[in-house]
Amino acid sequence: MVLAEADGVVVAPAAKAAHTVRTARTAGTAEADEPRESSEESRHRRPAAGSVGLDIHLMRHELQVPGLCHDD
């Protein structure tokens, strides 16, 4: 399933479609936006401080599993 809205796009397996739609519907509520905005602020500060996106998004391990690497 591909779900697109003004804030972005998400791709989810069909088995998780219902959960993904429920989550997307609550994303615009004040309660849901506050933690997201706080999280986004944190994600913007870390690259400014020199952190690599692979580490911020915990993707370095995912690259190493198939034998790929990232040269800092």
PDB file of N, CA and C in Angstrom:
ATOM      1  N   MET A   1       0.837  -1.161   0.000  1.00  0.00           N
ATOM      2  CA  MET A   1       0.000   0.000   0.000  1.00  0.00           C
ATOM      3  C   MET A   1       0.888   1.233   0.000  1.00  0.00           C
ATOM      4  N   VAL A   2       0.524   2.219  -0.796  1.00  0.00           N
ATOM      5  CA  VAL A   2       1.219   3.506  -0.817  1.00  0.00           C
ATOM      6  C   VAL A   2       0.222   4.553  -0.359  1.00  0.00           C
ATOM      7  N   LEU A   3       0.587   5.325   0.664  1.00  0.00           N
ATOM      8  CA  LEU A   3      -0.281   6.360   1.209  1.00  0.00           C
ATOM      9  C   LEU A   3       0.477   7.685   1.123  1.00  0.00           C
ATOM     10  N   ALA A   4      -0.114   8.651   0.433  1.00  0.00           N
ATOM     11  CA  ALA A   4       0.530   9.956   0.275  1.00  0.00           C
ATOM     12  C   ALA A   4      -0.377  11.041   0.820  1.00  0.00           C
ATOM     13  N   GLU A   5       0.233  12.034   1.451  1.00  0.00           N
ATOM     14  CA  GLU A   5      -0.482  13.185   1.968  1.00  0.00           C
ATOM     15  C   GLU A   5       0.456  14.374   1.930  1.00  0.00           C
ATOM     16  N   ALA A   6       0.021  15.523   2.386  1.00  0.00           N
ATOM     17  CA  ALA A   6       0.816  16.743   2.296  1.00  0.00           C
ATOM     18  C   ALA A   6       2.144  16.644   3.036  1.00  0.00           C
ATOM     19  N   ASP A   7       2.198  15.815   4.080  1.00  0.00           N
ATOM     20  CA  ASP A   7       3.396  15.713   4.918  1.00  0.00           C
ATOM     21  C   ASP A   7       4.382  14.662   4.436  1.00  0.00           C
ATOM     22  N   GLY A   8       3.983  13.810   3.478  1.00  0.00           N
ATOM     23  CA  GLY A   8       4.907  12.793   3.005  1.00  0.00           C
ATOM     24  C   GLY A   8       4.203  11.585   2.434  1.00  0.00           C
ATOM     25  N   VAL A   9       5.003  10.553   2.211  1.00  0.00           N
ATOM     26  CA  VAL A   9       4.532   9.315   1.609  1.00  0.00           C
ATOM     27  C   VAL A   9       5.020   8.140   2.451  1.00  0.00           C
ATOM     28  N   VAL A  10       4.185   7.116   2.588  1.00  0.00           N
ATOM     29  CA  VAL A  10       4.585   5.907   3.297  1.00  0.00           C
ATOM     30  C   VAL A  10       4.201   4.703   2.449  1.00  0.00           C
ATOM     31  N   VAL A  11       5.065   3.715   2.444  1.00  0.00           N
ATOM     32  CA  VAL A  11       4.788   2.457   1.750  1.00  0.00           C
ATOM     33  C   VAL A  11       4.736   1.379   2.825  1.00  0.00           C
ATOM     34  N   ALA A  12       3.641   0.621   2.835  1.00  0.00           N
ATOM     35  CA  ALA A  12       3.457  -0.404   3.862  1.00  0.00           C
ATOM     36  C   ALA A  12       2.977  -1.695   3.207  1.00  0.00           C
ATOM     37  N   PRO A  13       3.364  -2.848   3.776  1.00  0.00           N
ATOM     38  CA  PRO A  13       2.857  -4.117   3.256  1.00  0.00           C
ATOM     39  C   PRO A  13       1.344  -4.185   3.426  1.00  0.00           C
ATOM     40  N   ALA A  14       0.684  -4.894   2.546  1.00  0.00           N
ATOM     41  CA  ALA A  14      -0.775  -5.012   2.586  1.00  0.00           C
ATOM     42  C   ALA A  14      -1.272  -5.493   3.947  1.00  0.00           C
ATOM     43  N   ALA A  15      -0.514  -6.361   4.590  1.00  0.00           N
ATOM     44  CA  ALA A  15      -0.924  -6.901   5.897  1.00  0.00           C
ATOM     45  C   ALA A  15      -1.003  -5.811   6.967  1.00  0.00           C
ATOM     46  N   LYS A  16      -0.314  -4.701   6.771  1.00  0.00           N
ATOM     47  CA  LYS A  16      -0.326  -3.608   7.757  1.00  0.00           C
ATOM     48  C   LYS A  16      -1.133  -2.414   7.272  1.00  0.00           C
ATOM     49  N   ALA A  17      -1.872  -2.568   6.186  1.00  0.00           N
ATOM     50  CA  ALA A  17      -2.606  -1.454   5.588  1.00  0.00           C
ATOM     51  C   ALA A  17      -3.592  -0.811   6.567  1.00  0.00           C
ATOM     52  N   ALA A  18      -4.396  -1.608   7.243  1.00  0.00           N
ATOM     53  CA  ALA A  18      -5.399  -1.059   8.160  1.00  0.00           C
ATOM     54  C   ALA A  18      -4.745  -0.264   9.283  1.00  0.00           C
ATOM     55  N   HIS A  19      -3.687  -0.795   9.858  1.00  0.00           N
ATOM     56  CA  HIS A  19      -2.976  -0.092  10.924  1.00  0.00           C
ATOM     57  C   HIS A  19      -2.376   1.214  10.396  1.00  0.00           C
ATOM     58  N   THR A  20      -1.814   1.173   9.195  1.00  0.00           N
ATOM     59  CA  THR A  20      -1.199   2.359   8.600  1.00  0.00           C
ATOM     60  C   THR A  20      -2.243   3.450   8.371  1.00  0.00           C
ATOM     61  N   VAL A  21      -3.413   3.078   7.893  1.00  0.00           N
ATOM     62  CA  VAL A  21      -4.474   4.051   7.656  1.00  0.00           C
ATOM     63  C   VAL A  21      -4.951   4.645   8.976  1.00  0.00           C
ATOM     64  N   ARG A  22      -5.137   3.814  10.012  1.00  0.00           N
ATOM     65  CA  ARG A  22      -5.554   4.337  11.326  1.00  0.00           C
ATOM     66  C   ARG A  22      -4.524   5.319  11.854  1.00  0.00           C
ATOM     67  N   THR A  23      -3.256   4.983  11.727  1.00  0.00           N
ATOM     68  CA  THR A  23      -2.196   5.860  12.208  1.00  0.00           C
ATOM     69  C   THR A  23      -2.200   7.174  11.440  1.00  0.00           C
ATOM     70  N   ALA A  24      -2.372   7.111  10.135  1.00  0.00           N
ATOM     71  CA  ALA A  24      -2.391   8.318   9.311  1.00  0.00           C
ATOM     72  C   ALA A  24      -3.567   9.220   9.664  1.00  0.00           C
ATOM     73  N   ARG A  25      -4.704   8.626   9.978  1.00  0.00           N
ATOM     74  CA  ARG A  25      -5.887   9.424  10.317  1.00  0.00           C
ATOM     75  C   ARG A  25      -5.707  10.193  11.623  1.00  0.00           C
ATOM     76  N   THR A  26      -4.946   9.666  12.551  1.00  0.00           N
ATOM     77  CA  THR A  26      -4.733  10.361  13.821  1.00  0.00           C
ATOM     78  C   THR A  26      -3.537  11.300  13.757  1.00  0.00           C
ATOM     79  N   ALA A  27      -2.779  11.271  12.672  1.00  0.00           N
ATOM     80  CA  ALA A  27      -1.552  12.071  12.583  1.00  0.00           C
ATOM     81  C   ALA A  27      -1.814  13.566  12.633  1.00  0.00           C
ATOM     82  N   GLY A  28      -2.983  14.029  12.221  1.00  0.00           N
ATOM     83  CA  GLY A  28      -3.264  15.456  12.214  1.00  0.00           C
ATOM     84  C   GLY A  28      -3.823  15.990  13.517  1.00  0.00           C
ATOM     85  N   THR A  29      -3.999  15.149  14.511  1.00  0.00           N
ATOM     86  CA  THR A  29      -4.546  15.606  15.781  1.00  0.00           C
ATOM     87  C   THR A  29      -3.475  16.296  16.608  1.00  0.00           C
ATOM     88  N   ALA A  30      -3.893  17.187  17.469  1.00  0.00           N
ATOM     89  CA  ALA A  30      -2.940  17.932  18.300  1.00  0.00           C
ATOM     90  C   ALA A  30      -2.091  17.000  19.143  1.00  0.00           C
ATOM     91  N   GLU A  31      -2.705  15.930  19.685  1.00  0.00           N
ATOM     92  CA  GLU A  31      -1.964  14.994  20.536  1.00  0.00           C
ATOM     93  C   GLU A  31      -0.881  14.280  19.736  1.00  0.00           C
ATOM     94  N   ALA A  32      -1.183  13.938  18.499  1.00  0.00           N
ATOM     95  CA  ALA A  32      -0.211  13.219  17.672  1.00  0.00           C
ATOM     96  C   ALA A  32       0.865  14.147  17.145  1.00  0.00           C
ATOM     97  N   ASP A  33       0.524  15.400  16.849  1.00  0.00           N
ATOM     98  CA  ASP A  33       1.489  16.325  16.252  1.00  0.00           C
ATOM     99  C   ASP A  33       2.576  16.755  17.220  1.00  0.00           C
ATOM    100  N   GLU A  34       2.259  16.888  18.502  1.00  0.00           N
ATOM    101  CA  GLU A  34       3.257  17.359  19.462  1.00  0.00           C
ATOM    102  C   GLU A  34       4.484  16.451  19.537  1.00  0.00           C
ATOM    103  N   PRO A  35       4.326  15.130  19.734  1.00  0.00           N
ATOM    104  CA  PRO A  35       5.521  14.278  19.763  1.00  0.00           C
ATOM    105  C   PRO A  35       6.251  14.263  18.423  1.00  0.00           C
ATOM    106  N   ARG A  36       5.506  14.338  17.307  1.00  0.00           N
ATOM    107  CA  ARG A  36       6.122  14.333  15.983  1.00  0.00           C
ATOM    108  C   ARG A  36       6.967  15.581  15.792  1.00  0.00           C
ATOM    109  N   GLU A  37       6.432  16.748  16.174  1.00  0.00           N
ATOM    110  CA  GLU A  37       7.176  17.986  16.019  1.00  0.00           C
ATOM    111  C   GLU A  37       8.431  17.976  16.882  1.00  0.00           C
ATOM    112  N   SER A  38       8.322  17.468  18.090  1.00  0.00           N
ATOM    113  CA  SER A  38       9.482  17.361  18.966  1.00  0.00           C
ATOM    114  C   SER A  38      10.525  16.432  18.357  1.00  0.00           C
ATOM    115  N   SER A  39      10.074  15.313  17.811  1.00  0.00           N
ATOM    116  CA  SER A  39      10.966  14.358  17.189  1.00  0.00           C
ATOM    117  C   SER A  39      11.638  14.964  15.958  1.00  0.00           C
ATOM    118  N   GLU A  40      10.884  15.720  15.168  1.00  0.00           N
ATOM    119  CA  GLU A  40      11.451  16.363  13.982  1.00  0.00           C
ATOM    120  C   GLU A  40      12.516  17.384  14.371  1.00  0.00           C
ATOM    121  N   GLU A  41      12.267  18.147  15.427  1.00  0.00           N
ATOM    122  CA  GLU A  41      13.264  19.115  15.894  1.00  0.00           C
ATOM    123  C   GLU A  41      14.548  18.397  16.266  1.00  0.00           C
ATOM    124  N   SER A  42      14.427  17.276  16.946  1.00  0.00           N
ATOM    125  CA  SER A  42      15.594  16.498  17.336  1.00  0.00           C
ATOM    126  C   SER A  42      16.342  15.998  16.107  1.00  0.00           C
ATOM    127  N   ARG A  43      15.600  15.525  15.102  1.00  0.00           N
ATOM    128  CA  ARG A  43      16.243  15.016  13.882  1.00  0.00           C
ATOM    129  C   ARG A  43      16.955  16.114  13.118  1.00  0.00           C
ATOM    130  N   HIS A  44      16.513  17.348  13.247  1.00  0.00           N
ATOM    131  CA  HIS A  44      17.187  18.455  12.569  1.00  0.00           C
ATOM    132  C   HIS A  44      18.433  18.901  13.324  1.00  0.00           C
ATOM    133  N   ARG A  45      18.405  18.789  14.635  1.00  0.00           N
ATOM    134  CA  ARG A  45      19.569  19.195  15.440  1.00  0.00           C
ATOM    135  C   ARG A  45      20.744  18.237  15.254  1.00  0.00           C
ATOM    136  N   ARG A  46      20.467  16.948  15.166  1.00  0.00           N
ATOM    137  CA  ARG A  46      21.552  15.965  15.102  1.00  0.00           C
ATOM    138  C   ARG A  46      22.421  16.112  13.864  1.00  0.00           C
ATOM    139  N   PRO A  47      21.864  16.279  12.654  1.00  0.00           N
ATOM    140  CA  PRO A  47      22.753  16.490  11.497  1.00  0.00           C
ATOM    141  C   PRO A  47      23.534  17.797  11.619  1.00  0.00           C
ATOM    142  N   ALA A  48      22.908  18.813  12.181  1.00  0.00           N
ATOM    143  CA  ALA A  48      23.607  20.089  12.356  1.00  0.00           C
ATOM    144  C   ALA A  48      24.797  19.930  13.286  1.00  0.00           C
ATOM    145  N   ALA A  49      24.713  18.952  14.191  1.00  0.00           N
ATOM    146  CA  ALA A  49      25.813  18.700  15.132  1.00  0.00           C
ATOM    147  C   ALA A  49      26.827  17.708  14.567  1.00  0.00           C
ATOM    148  N   GLY A  50      26.592  17.228  13.324  1.00  0.00           N
ATOM    149  CA  GLY A  50      27.559  16.336  12.682  1.00  0.00           C
ATOM    150  C   GLY A  50      27.189  14.867  12.629  1.00  0.00           C
ATOM    151  N   SER A  51      26.017  14.493  13.139  1.00  0.00           N
ATOM    152  CA  SER A  51      25.606  13.082  13.071  1.00  0.00           C
ATOM    153  C   SER A  51      25.274  12.694  11.638  1.00  0.00           C
ATOM    154  N   VAL A  52      25.532  11.458  11.295  1.00  0.00           N
ATOM    155  CA  VAL A  52      25.256  10.926   9.962  1.00  0.00           C
ATOM    156  C   VAL A  52      23.839  10.348   9.932  1.00  0.00           C
ATOM    157  N   GLY A  53      23.110  10.609   8.847  1.00  0.00           N
ATOM    158  CA  GLY A  53      21.736  10.122   8.712  1.00  0.00           C
ATOM    159  C   GLY A  53      21.603   8.626   8.918  1.00  0.00           C
ATOM    160  N   LEU A  54      22.609   7.863   8.484  1.00  0.00           N
ATOM    161  CA  LEU A  54      22.558   6.406   8.676  1.00  0.00           C
ATOM    162  C   LEU A  54      22.462   6.045  10.155  1.00  0.00           C
ATOM    163  N   ASP A  55      23.117   6.809  10.996  1.00  0.00           N
ATOM    164  CA  ASP A  55      23.079   6.532  12.432  1.00  0.00           C
ATOM    165  C   ASP A  55      21.812   7.097  13.079  1.00  0.00           C
ATOM    166  N   ILE A  56      21.386   8.258  12.637  1.00  0.00           N
ATOM    167  CA  ILE A  56      20.173   8.876  13.182  1.00  0.00           C
ATOM    168  C   ILE A  56      18.971   7.967  12.950  1.00  0.00           C
ATOM    169  N   HIS A  57      18.887   7.396  11.756  1.00  0.00           N
ATOM    170  CA  HIS A  57      17.741   6.565  11.392  1.00  0.00           C
ATOM    171  C   HIS A  57      18.011   5.079  11.595  1.00  0.00           C
ATOM    172  N   LEU A  58      19.089   4.763  12.278  1.00  0.00           N
ATOM    173  CA  LEU A  58      19.447   3.388  12.636  1.00  0.00           C
ATOM    174  C   LEU A  58      19.507   2.472  11.411  1.00  0.00           C
ATOM    175  N   MET A  59      20.121   2.955  10.327  1.00  0.00           N
ATOM    176  CA  MET A  59      20.177   2.199   9.087  1.00  0.00           C
ATOM    177  C   MET A  59      21.546   1.567   8.819  1.00  0.00           C
ATOM    178  N   ARG A  60      22.555   1.939   9.576  1.00  0.00           N
ATOM    179  CA  ARG A  60      23.899   1.413   9.313  1.00  0.00           C
ATOM    180  C   ARG A  60      23.912  -0.121   9.382  1.00  0.00           C
ATOM    181  N   HIS A  61      23.266  -0.672  10.402  1.00  0.00           N
ATOM    182  CA  HIS A  61      23.208  -2.131  10.547  1.00  0.00           C
ATOM    183  C   HIS A  61      22.515  -2.766   9.346  1.00  0.00           C
ATOM    184  N   GLU A  62      21.441  -2.136   8.857  1.00  0.00           N
ATOM    185  CA  GLU A  62      20.707  -2.681   7.708  1.00  0.00           C
ATOM    186  C   GLU A  62      21.598  -2.766   6.472  1.00  0.00           C
ATOM    187  N   LEU A  63      22.545  -1.856   6.343  1.00  0.00           N
ATOM    188  CA  LEU A  63      23.484  -1.914   5.223  1.00  0.00           C
ATOM    189  C   LEU A  63      24.503  -3.027   5.420  1.00  0.00           C
ATOM    190  N   GLN A  64      24.906  -3.236   6.658  1.00  0.00           N
ATOM    191  CA  GLN A  64      25.944  -4.226   6.931  1.00  0.00           C
ATOM    192  C   GLN A  64      25.434  -5.651   6.745  1.00  0.00           C
ATOM    193  N   VAL A  65      24.161  -5.885   6.966  1.00  0.00           N
ATOM    194  CA  VAL A  65      23.607  -7.236   6.843  1.00  0.00           C
ATOM    195  C   VAL A  65      23.861  -7.817   5.453  1.00  0.00           C
ATOM    196  N   PRO A  66      23.548  -7.079   4.356  1.00  0.00           N
ATOM    197  CA  PRO A  66      23.841  -7.657   3.044  1.00  0.00           C
ATOM    198  C   PRO A  66      25.294  -7.459   2.604  1.00  0.00           C
ATOM    199  N   GLY A  67      26.124  -6.902   3.490  1.00  0.00           N
ATOM    200  CA  GLY A  67      27.535  -6.755   3.171  1.00  0.00           C
ATOM    201  C   GLY A  67      27.911  -5.411   2.581  1.00  0.00           C
ATOM    202  N   LEU A  68      26.995  -4.446   2.635  1.00  0.00           N
ATOM    203  CA  LEU A  68      27.290  -3.102   2.136  1.00  0.00           C
ATOM    204  C   LEU A  68      27.926  -2.277   3.241  1.00  0.00           C
ATOM    205  N   CYS A  69      28.531  -1.179   2.878  1.00  0.00           N
ATOM    206  CA  CYS A  69      29.113  -0.307   3.885  1.00  0.00           C
ATOM    207  C   CYS A  69      28.985   1.138   3.432  1.00  0.00           C
ATOM    208  N   HIS A  70      29.131   2.038   4.368  1.00  0.00           N
ATOM    209  CA  HIS A  70      29.089   3.474   4.096  1.00  0.00           C
ATOM    210  C   HIS A  70      30.425   4.056   4.497  1.00  0.00           C
ATOM    211  N   ASP A  71      31.053   4.771   3.612  1.00  0.00           N
ATOM    212  CA  ASP A  71      32.348   5.375   3.902  1.00  0.00           C
ATOM    213  C   ASP A  71      32.134   6.785   4.403  1.00  0.00           C
ATOM    214  N   ASP A  72      32.325   6.991   5.725  1.00  0.00           N
ATOM    215  CA  ASP A  72      32.140   8.331   6.291  1.00  0.00           C
ATOM    216  C   ASP A  72      33.202   9.227   5.736  1.00  0.00           C
TER     217      ASP A  72
END
